[in-house]
Amino acid sequence: MTTTALSALIDPLSRFSNVLLVLGAVGVGVLVPQLSPYFDPLITPLVVFLVFTSLRGVRFAAIDYSSYAAVVVLSLCLSYAVLPLAGMRLVELAVADASALGFAIALSVPTTAGSAIVWTRLARGDVQLATLSSIASLLLAPVATPLVLTRLVGSQVTVPTASILADLAVIVGGGVLLAAVVPTDALSAEAVERGSTLAILLLIYTAVAGAGVVGVDTDALLAVAGVSTLLFGVGAALTAGCQRAFGIERDRAFSLFFTTNLKNLGVALLVSLPFADPLVTVSIIVYYVVQQTGGAVLADAT
């Protein structure tokens, strides 16, 4: 094989390396699920680590909050109100019962701080804005997530509010504590980025392996995948529409896109624990994988 031909083969693989990593983690989770029990206890620490990486090195005193406030509020409104309410209407037309509950949980949880910031950085978006929006989403979650989930499921399901509050307190508090005690120069930017990517991949693997996707009815799985893709498209359309309507700059538009559409898998899995039906977990995971794959495609393509 000539050097030119080899370069032509390697360049696309390198450009879309994040997509391949996400799909690889999914594939390993399906094919080698036996390791899942060993990684299950790591879900909360991994989410705490991702919160820590989003807070690490942020100089809050140097941020011009007034210039970011409008976009942060817009991100919160889209993530906690517009996307869940509009998305759930679409969900109810396509799936029911356990799958619908899984989507309701996924739509009600906060932004996934780690991957939203990682993909924003790789897409050359406004990382500082993505960080602020992610932190605001996490801080609002103890109030917003139970309210949104209750609104989406109505009286059909009892929402474990106390459990959600406790889990979020551990996740946010742990991330803040690590950011406070770990010196900024203790980890290089490259180490943090690689660690964040690894944490995301481990979460994907653990979720896919633990859900028992292989045992789920094929038609149900295809329906969940289709709805997940549609929801991601709706979220993309919402953010694109807001960018045009409000004249949001390109770098901030990327931040808005990721913080609106990428939901926190760790929090969603913790919220889903009281519900035993595997379709609840599968819906959450498939939607998350679609989000991460779409985010990786966008980050790699820019």
C-alpha atoms as a PDB file:
ATOM      1  CA  MET A   1       0.000   0.000   0.000  1.00  0.00           C
ATOM      2  CA  THR A   2       1.418   3.401  -0.973  1.00  0.00           C
ATOM      3  CA  THR A   3       1.940   6.227   1.499  1.00  0.00           C
ATOM      4  CA  THR A   4      -0.800   8.246  -0.192  1.00  0.00           C
ATOM      5  CA  ALA A   5      -3.272   5.369   0.007  1.00  0.00           C
ATOM      6  CA  LEU A   6      -2.392   4.722   3.640  1.00  0.00           C
ATOM      7  CA  SER A   7      -2.849   8.404   4.461  1.00  0.00           C
ATOM      8  CA  ALA A   8      -6.214   8.409   2.678  1.00  0.00           C
ATOM      9  CA  LEU A   9      -7.288   5.488   4.897  1.00  0.00           C
ATOM     10  CA  ILE A  10      -5.939   6.904   8.165  1.00  0.00           C
ATOM     11  CA  ASP A  11      -7.180  10.499   7.817  1.00  0.00           C
ATOM     12  CA  PRO A  12     -10.932   9.716   7.993  1.00  0.00           C
ATOM     13  CA  LEU A  13     -10.335   7.290  10.882  1.00  0.00           C
ATOM     14  CA  SER A  14      -8.358   9.951  12.742  1.00  0.00           C
ATOM     15  CA  ARG A  15     -10.922  12.641  12.029  1.00  0.00           C
ATOM     16  CA  PHE A  16     -13.779  10.564  13.396  1.00  0.00           C
ATOM     17  CA  SER A  17     -11.834   8.902  16.206  1.00  0.00           C
ATOM     18  CA  ASN A  18     -14.336  10.018  18.859  1.00  0.00           C
ATOM     19  CA  VAL A  19     -17.217   8.428  16.958  1.00  0.00           C
ATOM     20  CA  LEU A  20     -15.258   5.192  16.640  1.00  0.00           C
ATOM     21  CA  LEU A  21     -14.442   5.229  20.361  1.00  0.00           C
ATOM     22  CA  VAL A  22     -18.105   5.693  21.322  1.00  0.00           C
ATOM     23  CA  LEU A  23     -19.260   2.957  18.940  1.00  0.00           C
ATOM     24  CA  GLY A  24     -16.400   0.751  20.148  1.00  0.00           C
ATOM     25  CA  ALA A  25     -17.522   1.137  23.766  1.00  0.00           C
ATOM     26  CA  VAL A  26     -21.063   0.198  22.724  1.00  0.00           C
ATOM     27  CA  GLY A  27     -19.800  -2.836  20.819  1.00  0.00           C
ATOM     28  CA  VAL A  28     -17.691  -4.067  23.733  1.00  0.00           C
ATOM     29  CA  GLY A  29     -20.652  -3.607  26.061  1.00  0.00           C
ATOM     30  CA  VAL A  30     -22.816  -5.801  23.815  1.00  0.00           C
ATOM     31  CA  LEU A  31     -20.198  -8.464  23.109  1.00  0.00           C
ATOM     32  CA  VAL A  32     -18.403  -8.613  26.483  1.00  0.00           C
ATOM     33  CA  PRO A  33     -20.957  -7.719  29.177  1.00  0.00           C
ATOM     34  CA  GLN A  34     -19.369  -9.966  31.809  1.00  0.00           C
ATOM     35  CA  LEU A  35     -17.223  -7.170  33.259  1.00  0.00           C
ATOM     36  CA  SER A  36     -20.205  -4.930  33.983  1.00  0.00           C
ATOM     37  CA  PRO A  37     -20.605  -5.932  37.672  1.00  0.00           C
ATOM     38  CA  TYR A  38     -17.027  -4.808  38.341  1.00  0.00           C
ATOM     39  CA  PHE A  39     -17.669  -1.366  36.863  1.00  0.00           C
ATOM     40  CA  ASP A  40     -21.157  -0.750  38.300  1.00  0.00           C
ATOM     41  CA  PRO A  41     -19.773   0.666  41.602  1.00  0.00           C
ATOM     42  CA  LEU A  42     -17.752   3.160  39.539  1.00  0.00           C
ATOM     43  CA  ILE A  43     -20.754   4.940  37.992  1.00  0.00           C
ATOM     44  CA  THR A  44     -21.057   7.565  40.730  1.00  0.00           C
ATOM     45  CA  PRO A  45     -17.268   8.166  41.056  1.00  0.00           C
ATOM     46  CA  LEU A  46     -17.006   8.526  37.265  1.00  0.00           C
ATOM     47  CA  VAL A  47     -19.782  11.132  37.212  1.00  0.00           C
ATOM     48  CA  VAL A  48     -18.130  12.940  40.140  1.00  0.00           C
ATOM     49  CA  PHE A  49     -14.850  12.938  38.194  1.00  0.00           C
ATOM     50  CA  LEU A  50     -16.578  14.414  35.142  1.00  0.00           C
ATOM     51  CA  VAL A  51     -18.088  17.165  37.295  1.00  0.00           C
ATOM     52  CA  PHE A  52     -14.606  17.798  38.719  1.00  0.00           C
ATOM     53  CA  THR A  53     -13.081  18.107  35.242  1.00  0.00           C
ATOM     54  CA  SER A  54     -15.763  20.621  34.278  1.00  0.00           C
ATOM     55  CA  LEU A  55     -14.936  22.777  37.316  1.00  0.00           C
ATOM     56  CA  ARG A  56     -11.154  22.357  37.204  1.00  0.00           C
ATOM     57  CA  GLY A  57      -9.276  25.522  36.379  1.00  0.00           C
ATOM     58  CA  VAL A  58     -12.370  27.683  35.912  1.00  0.00           C
ATOM     59  CA  ARG A  59     -11.613  31.204  37.093  1.00  0.00           C
ATOM     60  CA  PHE A  60     -15.072  32.296  38.149  1.00  0.00           C
ATOM     61  CA  ALA A  61     -13.897  35.753  39.206  1.00  0.00           C
ATOM     62  CA  ALA A  62     -12.649  36.460  35.686  1.00  0.00           C
ATOM     63  CA  ILE A  63     -15.890  35.501  33.908  1.00  0.00           C
ATOM     64  CA  ASP A  64     -18.093  38.235  32.454  1.00  0.00           C
ATOM     65  CA  TYR A  65     -21.364  36.737  33.632  1.00  0.00           C
ATOM     66  CA  SER A  66     -23.526  39.429  32.057  1.00  0.00           C
ATOM     67  CA  SER A  67     -22.405  38.427  28.549  1.00  0.00           C
ATOM     68  CA  TYR A  68     -23.245  34.762  29.192  1.00  0.00           C
ATOM     69  CA  ALA A  69     -26.419  35.064  31.259  1.00  0.00           C
ATOM     70  CA  ALA A  70     -28.907  35.083  28.373  1.00  0.00           C
ATOM     71  CA  VAL A  71     -27.451  31.999  26.664  1.00  0.00           C
ATOM     72  CA  VAL A  72     -27.168  30.100  29.974  1.00  0.00           C
ATOM     73  CA  VAL A  73     -30.839  30.829  30.741  1.00  0.00           C
ATOM     74  CA  LEU A  74     -31.775  29.804  27.193  1.00  0.00           C
ATOM     75  CA  SER A  75     -29.865  26.527  27.598  1.00  0.00           C
ATOM     76  CA  LEU A  76     -31.663  25.781  30.876  1.00  0.00           C
ATOM     77  CA  CYS A  77     -35.068  26.558  29.371  1.00  0.00           C
ATOM     78  CA  LEU A  78     -34.440  24.356  26.346  1.00  0.00           C
ATOM     79  CA  SER A  79     -32.953  21.505  28.395  1.00  0.00           C
ATOM     80  CA  TYR A  80     -35.443  21.452  31.270  1.00  0.00           C
ATOM     81  CA  ALA A  81     -38.653  22.681  29.607  1.00  0.00           C
ATOM     82  CA  VAL A  82     -38.888  22.903  25.821  1.00  0.00           C
ATOM     83  CA  LEU A  83     -37.044  19.704  24.850  1.00  0.00           C
ATOM     84  CA  PRO A  84     -38.636  17.502  27.574  1.00  0.00           C
ATOM     85  CA  LEU A  85     -42.189  18.695  26.895  1.00  0.00           C
ATOM     86  CA  ALA A  86     -41.927  18.638  23.101  1.00  0.00           C
ATOM     87  CA  GLY A  87     -39.873  15.455  23.119  1.00  0.00           C
ATOM     88  CA  MET A  88     -42.251  13.567  25.383  1.00  0.00           C
ATOM     89  CA  ARG A  89     -45.143  14.236  23.017  1.00  0.00           C
ATOM     90  CA  LEU A  90     -43.170  12.534  20.261  1.00  0.00           C
ATOM     91  CA  VAL A  91     -42.174   9.680  22.582  1.00  0.00           C
ATOM     92  CA  GLU A  92     -45.766   8.937  23.539  1.00  0.00           C
ATOM     93  CA  LEU A  93     -46.736   8.644  19.865  1.00  0.00           C
ATOM     94  CA  ALA A  94     -44.097   5.987  19.218  1.00  0.00           C
ATOM     95  CA  VAL A  95     -43.514   3.961  22.408  1.00  0.00           C
ATOM     96  CA  ALA A  96     -45.308   3.313  25.659  1.00  0.00           C
ATOM     97  CA  ASP A  97     -44.948   2.066  29.217  1.00  0.00           C
ATOM     98  CA  ALA A  98     -41.360   1.238  30.227  1.00  0.00           C
ATOM     99  CA  SER A  99     -39.676   2.763  27.177  1.00  0.00           C
ATOM    100  CA  ALA A 100     -41.612   6.001  27.613  1.00  0.00           C
ATOM    101  CA  LEU A 101     -40.617   6.111  31.296  1.00  0.00           C
ATOM    102  CA  GLY A 102     -36.963   5.672  30.316  1.00  0.00           C
ATOM    103  CA  PHE A 103     -37.175   8.608  27.922  1.00  0.00           C
ATOM    104  CA  ALA A 104     -38.970  10.702  30.554  1.00  0.00           C
ATOM    105  CA  ILE A 105     -36.111  10.082  32.998  1.00  0.00           C
ATOM    106  CA  ALA A 106     -33.459  10.842  30.352  1.00  0.00           C
ATOM    107  CA  LEU A 107     -35.173  14.081  29.333  1.00  0.00           C
ATOM    108  CA  SER A 108     -35.569  15.313  32.911  1.00  0.00           C
ATOM    109  CA  VAL A 109     -31.961  14.953  34.112  1.00  0.00           C
ATOM    110  CA  PRO A 110     -29.314  17.707  33.937  1.00  0.00           C
ATOM    111  CA  THR A 111     -26.675  18.299  31.293  1.00  0.00           C
ATOM    112  CA  THR A 112     -23.798  15.835  31.286  1.00  0.00           C
ATOM    113  CA  ALA A 113     -21.068  18.272  32.237  1.00  0.00           C
ATOM    114  CA  GLY A 114     -18.066  16.181  31.237  1.00  0.00           C
ATOM    115  CA  SER A 115     -18.933  15.209  27.680  1.00  0.00           C
ATOM    116  CA  ALA A 116     -20.721  18.502  26.922  1.00  0.00           C
ATOM    117  CA  ILE A 117     -17.514  20.339  27.765  1.00  0.00           C
ATOM    118  CA  VAL A 118     -15.253  17.802  26.021  1.00  0.00           C
ATOM    119  CA  TRP A 119     -17.248  17.898  22.767  1.00  0.00           C
ATOM    120  CA  THR A 120     -17.524  21.710  22.969  1.00  0.00           C
ATOM    121  CA  ARG A 121     -13.752  21.966  23.290  1.00  0.00           C
ATOM    122  CA  LEU A 122     -13.172  19.597  20.366  1.00  0.00           C
ATOM    123  CA  ALA A 123     -15.699  21.496  18.232  1.00  0.00           C
ATOM    124  CA  ARG A 124     -13.886  24.764  19.065  1.00  0.00           C
ATOM    125  CA  GLY A 125     -16.917  26.126  20.850  1.00  0.00           C
ATOM    126  CA  ASP A 126     -17.051  28.422  23.881  1.00  0.00           C
ATOM    127  CA  VAL A 127     -15.847  26.091  26.659  1.00  0.00           C
ATOM    128  CA  GLN A 128     -16.367  28.684  29.381  1.00  0.00           C
ATOM    129  CA  LEU A 129     -20.018  29.071  28.392  1.00  0.00           C
ATOM    130  CA  ALA A 130     -20.474  25.284  28.244  1.00  0.00           C
ATOM    131  CA  THR A 131     -18.973  25.020  31.732  1.00  0.00           C
ATOM    132  CA  LEU A 132     -21.263  27.687  33.185  1.00  0.00           C
ATOM    133  CA  SER A 133     -24.355  26.174  31.550  1.00  0.00           C
ATOM    134  CA  SER A 134     -23.422  22.680  32.759  1.00  0.00           C
ATOM    135  CA  ILE A 135     -22.794  23.857  36.330  1.00  0.00           C
ATOM    136  CA  ALA A 136     -26.065  25.813  36.349  1.00  0.00           C
ATOM    137  CA  SER A 137     -27.903  22.718  35.087  1.00  0.00           C
ATOM    138  CA  LEU A 138     -26.362  20.537  37.808  1.00  0.00           C
ATOM    139  CA  LEU A 139     -27.114  23.055  40.561  1.00  0.00           C
ATOM    140  CA  LEU A 140     -30.711  23.395  39.381  1.00  0.00           C
ATOM    141  CA  ALA A 141     -31.182  19.623  39.043  1.00  0.00           C
ATOM    142  CA  PRO A 142     -32.228  18.848  42.661  1.00  0.00           C
ATOM    143  CA  VAL A 143     -35.281  21.037  42.098  1.00  0.00           C
ATOM    144  CA  ALA A 144     -35.793  20.768  38.350  1.00  0.00           C
ATOM    145  CA  THR A 145     -35.348  17.029  37.756  1.00  0.00           C
ATOM    146  CA  PRO A 146     -38.089  15.822  40.162  1.00  0.00           C
ATOM    147  CA  LEU A 147     -40.472  18.551  38.930  1.00  0.00           C
ATOM    148  CA  VAL A 148     -39.866  17.843  35.241  1.00  0.00           C
ATOM    149  CA  LEU A 149     -40.073  14.063  35.707  1.00  0.00           C
ATOM    150  CA  THR A 150     -43.318  14.381  37.669  1.00  0.00           C
ATOM    151  CA  ARG A 151     -44.737  16.601  34.917  1.00  0.00           C
ATOM    152  CA  LEU A 152     -43.726  14.137  32.191  1.00  0.00           C
ATOM    153  CA  VAL A 153     -45.045  10.965  33.844  1.00  0.00           C
ATOM    154  CA  GLY A 154     -48.035  12.492  35.647  1.00  0.00           C
ATOM    155  CA  SER A 155     -49.531  10.273  38.324  1.00  0.00           C
ATOM    156  CA  GLN A 156     -48.429   7.040  36.614  1.00  0.00           C
ATOM    157  CA  VAL A 157     -45.156   6.751  38.538  1.00  0.00           C
ATOM    158  CA  THR A 158     -43.985   7.786  41.994  1.00  0.00           C
ATOM    159  CA  VAL A 159     -40.875   9.930  41.574  1.00  0.00           C
ATOM    160  CA  PRO A 160     -38.161   9.104  44.179  1.00  0.00           C
ATOM    161  CA  THR A 161     -37.436  12.756  44.992  1.00  0.00           C
ATOM    162  CA  ALA A 162     -35.412  12.076  48.157  1.00  0.00           C
ATOM    163  CA  SER A 163     -33.175   9.601  46.332  1.00  0.00           C
ATOM    164  CA  ILE A 164     -32.633  12.027  43.447  1.00  0.00           C
ATOM    165  CA  LEU A 165     -31.701  14.816  45.861  1.00  0.00           C
ATOM    166  CA  ALA A 166     -29.239  12.584  47.710  1.00  0.00           C
ATOM    167  CA  ASP A 167     -27.582  11.337  44.516  1.00  0.00           C
ATOM    168  CA  LEU A 168     -27.250  14.834  43.084  1.00  0.00           C
ATOM    169  CA  ALA A 169     -25.846  16.144  46.359  1.00  0.00           C
ATOM    170  CA  VAL A 170     -23.134  13.457  46.277  1.00  0.00           C
ATOM    171  CA  ILE A 171     -22.301  14.070  42.611  1.00  0.00           C
ATOM    172  CA  VAL A 172     -22.196  17.864  42.725  1.00  0.00           C
ATOM    173  CA  GLY A 173     -20.656  18.024  46.208  1.00  0.00           C
ATOM    174  CA  GLY A 174     -17.988  15.472  45.306  1.00  0.00           C
ATOM    175  CA  GLY A 175     -17.048  17.327  42.128  1.00  0.00           C
ATOM    176  CA  VAL A 176     -16.833  20.648  43.945  1.00  0.00           C
ATOM    177  CA  LEU A 177     -14.724  19.116  46.727  1.00  0.00           C
ATOM    178  CA  LEU A 178     -12.256  17.591  44.264  1.00  0.00           C
ATOM    179  CA  ALA A 179     -11.979  20.884  42.391  1.00  0.00           C
ATOM    180  CA  ALA A 180     -11.235  22.649  45.665  1.00  0.00           C
ATOM    181  CA  VAL A 181      -8.570  20.252  46.982  1.00  0.00           C
ATOM    182  CA  VAL A 182      -6.787  19.149  43.785  1.00  0.00           C
ATOM    183  CA  PRO A 183      -4.302  21.816  42.590  1.00  0.00           C
ATOM    184  CA  THR A 184      -4.904  23.001  39.037  1.00  0.00           C
ATOM    185  CA  ASP A 185      -1.348  22.162  38.007  1.00  0.00           C
ATOM    186  CA  ALA A 186      -1.573  18.615  39.421  1.00  0.00           C
ATOM    187  CA  LEU A 187      -3.028  17.373  36.130  1.00  0.00           C
ATOM    188  CA  SER A 188      -2.146  18.512  32.629  1.00  0.00           C
ATOM    189  CA  ALA A 189      -4.881  19.598  30.219  1.00  0.00           C
ATOM    190  CA  GLU A 190      -4.098  16.552  28.074  1.00  0.00           C
ATOM    191  CA  ALA A 191      -4.448  14.207  31.050  1.00  0.00           C
ATOM    192  CA  VAL A 192      -7.791  15.759  31.994  1.00  0.00           C
ATOM    193  CA  GLU A 193      -9.096  15.473  28.429  1.00  0.00           C
ATOM    194  CA  ARG A 194      -8.007  11.844  28.126  1.00  0.00           C
ATOM    195  CA  GLY A 195      -9.394  11.048  31.568  1.00  0.00           C
ATOM    196  CA  SER A 196     -12.737  12.646  30.672  1.00  0.00           C
ATOM    197  CA  THR A 197     -12.952  10.681  27.427  1.00  0.00           C
ATOM    198  CA  LEU A 198     -12.090   7.439  29.239  1.00  0.00           C
ATOM    199  CA  ALA A 199     -14.721   8.151  31.906  1.00  0.00           C
ATOM    200  CA  ILE A 200     -17.357   8.708  29.213  1.00  0.00           C
ATOM    201  CA  LEU A 201     -16.404   5.466  27.460  1.00  0.00           C
ATOM    202  CA  LEU A 202     -16.519   3.512  30.734  1.00  0.00           C
ATOM    203  CA  LEU A 203     -19.981   4.913  31.490  1.00  0.00           C
ATOM    204  CA  ILE A 204     -21.169   3.884  28.029  1.00  0.00           C
ATOM    205  CA  TYR A 205     -19.691   0.392  28.367  1.00  0.00           C
ATOM    206  CA  THR A 206     -21.083  -0.132  31.875  1.00  0.00           C
ATOM    207  CA  ALA A 207     -24.540   1.070  30.883  1.00  0.00           C
ATOM    208  CA  VAL A 208     -24.736  -1.004  27.694  1.00  0.00           C
ATOM    209  CA  ALA A 209     -23.296  -4.150  29.337  1.00  0.00           C
ATOM    210  CA  GLY A 210     -25.567  -3.874  32.357  1.00  0.00           C
ATOM    211  CA  ALA A 211     -28.757  -3.314  30.370  1.00  0.00           C
ATOM    212  CA  GLY A 212     -28.736  -6.691  28.653  1.00  0.00           C
ATOM    213  CA  VAL A 213     -29.473  -5.180  25.255  1.00  0.00           C
ATOM    214  CA  VAL A 214     -29.090  -8.587  23.574  1.00  0.00           C
ATOM    215  CA  GLY A 215     -32.146  -9.892  25.417  1.00  0.00           C
ATOM    216  CA  VAL A 216     -34.422  -7.017  24.399  1.00  0.00           C
ATOM    217  CA  ASP A 217     -36.986  -7.566  21.663  1.00  0.00           C
ATOM    218  CA  THR A 218     -35.555  -6.383  18.333  1.00  0.00           C
ATOM    219  CA  ASP A 219     -38.648  -4.383  17.355  1.00  0.00           C
ATOM    220  CA  ALA A 220     -38.677  -2.617  20.713  1.00  0.00           C
ATOM    221  CA  LEU A 221     -34.954  -1.847  20.410  1.00  0.00           C
ATOM    222  CA  LEU A 222     -35.386  -0.449  16.886  1.00  0.00           C
ATOM    223  CA  ALA A 223     -38.285   1.707  18.060  1.00  0.00           C
ATOM    224  CA  VAL A 224     -36.181   3.076  20.929  1.00  0.00           C
ATOM    225  CA  ALA A 225     -33.273   3.785  18.565  1.00  0.00           C
ATOM    226  CA  GLY A 226     -35.572   5.562  16.121  1.00  0.00           C
ATOM    227  CA  VAL A 227     -37.143   7.722  18.824  1.00  0.00           C
ATOM    228  CA  SER A 228     -33.698   8.523  20.253  1.00  0.00           C
ATOM    229  CA  THR A 229     -32.481   9.710  16.860  1.00  0.00           C
ATOM    230  CA  LEU A 230     -35.640  11.763  16.367  1.00  0.00           C
ATOM    231  CA  LEU A 231     -35.251  13.401  19.787  1.00  0.00           C
ATOM    232  CA  PHE A 232     -31.636  14.283  19.019  1.00  0.00           C
ATOM    233  CA  GLY A 233     -32.781  15.820  15.740  1.00  0.00           C
ATOM    234  CA  VAL A 234     -35.458  17.835  17.537  1.00  0.00           C
ATOM    235  CA  GLY A 235     -32.862  19.135  19.990  1.00  0.00           C
ATOM    236  CA  ALA A 236     -30.538  20.075  17.127  1.00  0.00           C
ATOM    237  CA  ALA A 237     -33.364  21.879  15.334  1.00  0.00           C
ATOM    238  CA  LEU A 238     -34.293  23.782  18.502  1.00  0.00           C
ATOM    239  CA  THR A 239     -30.757  25.039  19.057  1.00  0.00           C
ATOM    240  CA  ALA A 240     -30.260  25.869  15.375  1.00  0.00           C
ATOM    241  CA  GLY A 241     -33.509  27.830  15.408  1.00  0.00           C
ATOM    242  CA  CYS A 242     -32.443  29.736  18.522  1.00  0.00           C
ATOM    243  CA  GLN A 243     -29.078  30.522  16.947  1.00  0.00           C
ATOM    244  CA  ARG A 244     -30.764  32.137  13.968  1.00  0.00           C
ATOM    245  CA  ALA A 245     -33.532  33.824  15.948  1.00  0.00           C
ATOM    246  CA  PHE A 246     -31.210  35.401  18.526  1.00  0.00           C
ATOM    247  CA  GLY A 247     -28.100  35.858  16.396  1.00  0.00           C
ATOM    248  CA  ILE A 248     -25.916  33.658  18.602  1.00  0.00           C
ATOM    249  CA  GLU A 249     -22.270  33.446  17.541  1.00  0.00           C
ATOM    250  CA  ARG A 250     -20.883  30.164  16.180  1.00  0.00           C
ATOM    251  CA  ASP A 251     -18.751  29.264  19.230  1.00  0.00           C
ATOM    252  CA  ARG A 252     -21.617  29.952  21.623  1.00  0.00           C
ATOM    253  CA  ALA A 253     -24.050  28.054  19.399  1.00  0.00           C
ATOM    254  CA  PHE A 254     -21.928  24.917  19.772  1.00  0.00           C
ATOM    255  CA  SER A 255     -22.006  25.325  23.552  1.00  0.00           C
ATOM    256  CA  LEU A 256     -25.778  25.783  23.465  1.00  0.00           C
ATOM    257  CA  PHE A 257     -26.176  22.687  21.283  1.00  0.00           C
ATOM    258  CA  PHE A 258     -24.153  20.393  23.542  1.00  0.00           C
ATOM    259  CA  THR A 259     -25.505  21.667  26.876  1.00  0.00           C
ATOM    260  CA  THR A 260     -29.089  21.394  25.627  1.00  0.00           C
ATOM    261  CA  ASN A 261     -28.887  17.954  24.031  1.00  0.00           C
ATOM    262  CA  LEU A 262     -26.373  15.910  26.045  1.00  0.00           C
ATOM    263  CA  LYS A 263     -28.034  14.454  29.141  1.00  0.00           C
ATOM    264  CA  ASN A 264     -26.318  13.032  32.211  1.00  0.00           C
ATOM    265  CA  LEU A 265     -26.201   9.221  31.971  1.00  0.00           C
ATOM    266  CA  GLY A 266     -24.971   8.704  35.540  1.00  0.00           C
ATOM    267  CA  VAL A 267     -27.813  10.727  37.059  1.00  0.00           C
ATOM    268  CA  ALA A 268     -30.361   9.064  34.756  1.00  0.00           C
ATOM    269  CA  LEU A 269     -29.189   5.586  35.752  1.00  0.00           C
ATOM    270  CA  LEU A 270     -29.342   6.487  39.437  1.00  0.00           C
ATOM    271  CA  VAL A 271     -32.872   7.852  39.032  1.00  0.00           C
ATOM    272  CA  SER A 272     -33.901   4.695  37.151  1.00  0.00           C
ATOM    273  CA  LEU A 273     -32.732   2.268  39.861  1.00  0.00           C
ATOM    274  CA  PRO A 274     -36.184   1.891  41.531  1.00  0.00           C
ATOM    275  CA  PHE A 275     -37.679   0.751  38.206  1.00  0.00           C
ATOM    276  CA  ALA A 276     -36.842  -2.875  37.405  1.00  0.00           C
ATOM    277  CA  ASP A 277     -38.012  -3.113  33.786  1.00  0.00           C
ATOM    278  CA  PRO A 278     -34.944  -3.433  31.492  1.00  0.00           C
ATOM    279  CA  LEU A 279     -36.630  -1.312  28.795  1.00  0.00           C
ATOM    280  CA  VAL A 280     -36.389   1.697  31.123  1.00  0.00           C
ATOM    281  CA  THR A 281     -32.620   1.336  31.273  1.00  0.00           C
ATOM    282  CA  VAL A 282     -32.287   0.419  27.593  1.00  0.00           C
ATOM    283  CA  SER A 283     -34.177   3.561  26.524  1.00  0.00           C
ATOM    284  CA  ILE A 284     -31.918   5.743  28.668  1.00  0.00           C
ATOM    285  CA  ILE A 285     -28.767   4.092  27.332  1.00  0.00           C
ATOM    286  CA  VAL A 286     -29.729   4.086  23.661  1.00  0.00           C
ATOM    287  CA  TYR A 287     -30.717   7.747  23.853  1.00  0.00           C
ATOM    288  CA  TYR A 288     -27.405   8.533  25.568  1.00  0.00           C
ATOM    289  CA  VAL A 289     -25.405   6.617  22.950  1.00  0.00           C
ATOM    290  CA  VAL A 290     -27.203   8.474  20.157  1.00  0.00           C
ATOM    291  CA  GLN A 291     -26.427  11.784  21.890  1.00  0.00           C
ATOM    292  CA  GLN A 292     -22.765  10.907  22.347  1.00  0.00           C
ATOM    293  CA  THR A 293     -22.402   9.594  18.807  1.00  0.00           C
ATOM    294  CA  GLY A 294     -24.044  12.714  17.397  1.00  0.00           C
ATOM    295  CA  GLY A 295     -21.858  14.907  19.593  1.00  0.00           C
ATOM    296  CA  ALA A 296     -18.737  13.057  18.501  1.00  0.00           C
ATOM    297  CA  VAL A 297     -19.717  13.375  14.820  1.00  0.00           C
ATOM    298  CA  LEU A 298     -20.205  17.120  15.189  1.00  0.00           C
ATOM    299  CA  ALA A 299     -16.979  17.559  17.166  1.00  0.00           C
ATOM    300  CA  ASP A 300     -14.974  15.507  14.674  1.00  0.00           C
ATOM    301  CA  ALA A 301     -16.517  17.221  11.652  1.00  0.00           C
ATOM    302  CA  THR A 302     -15.652  20.792  12.694  1.00  0.00           C
END
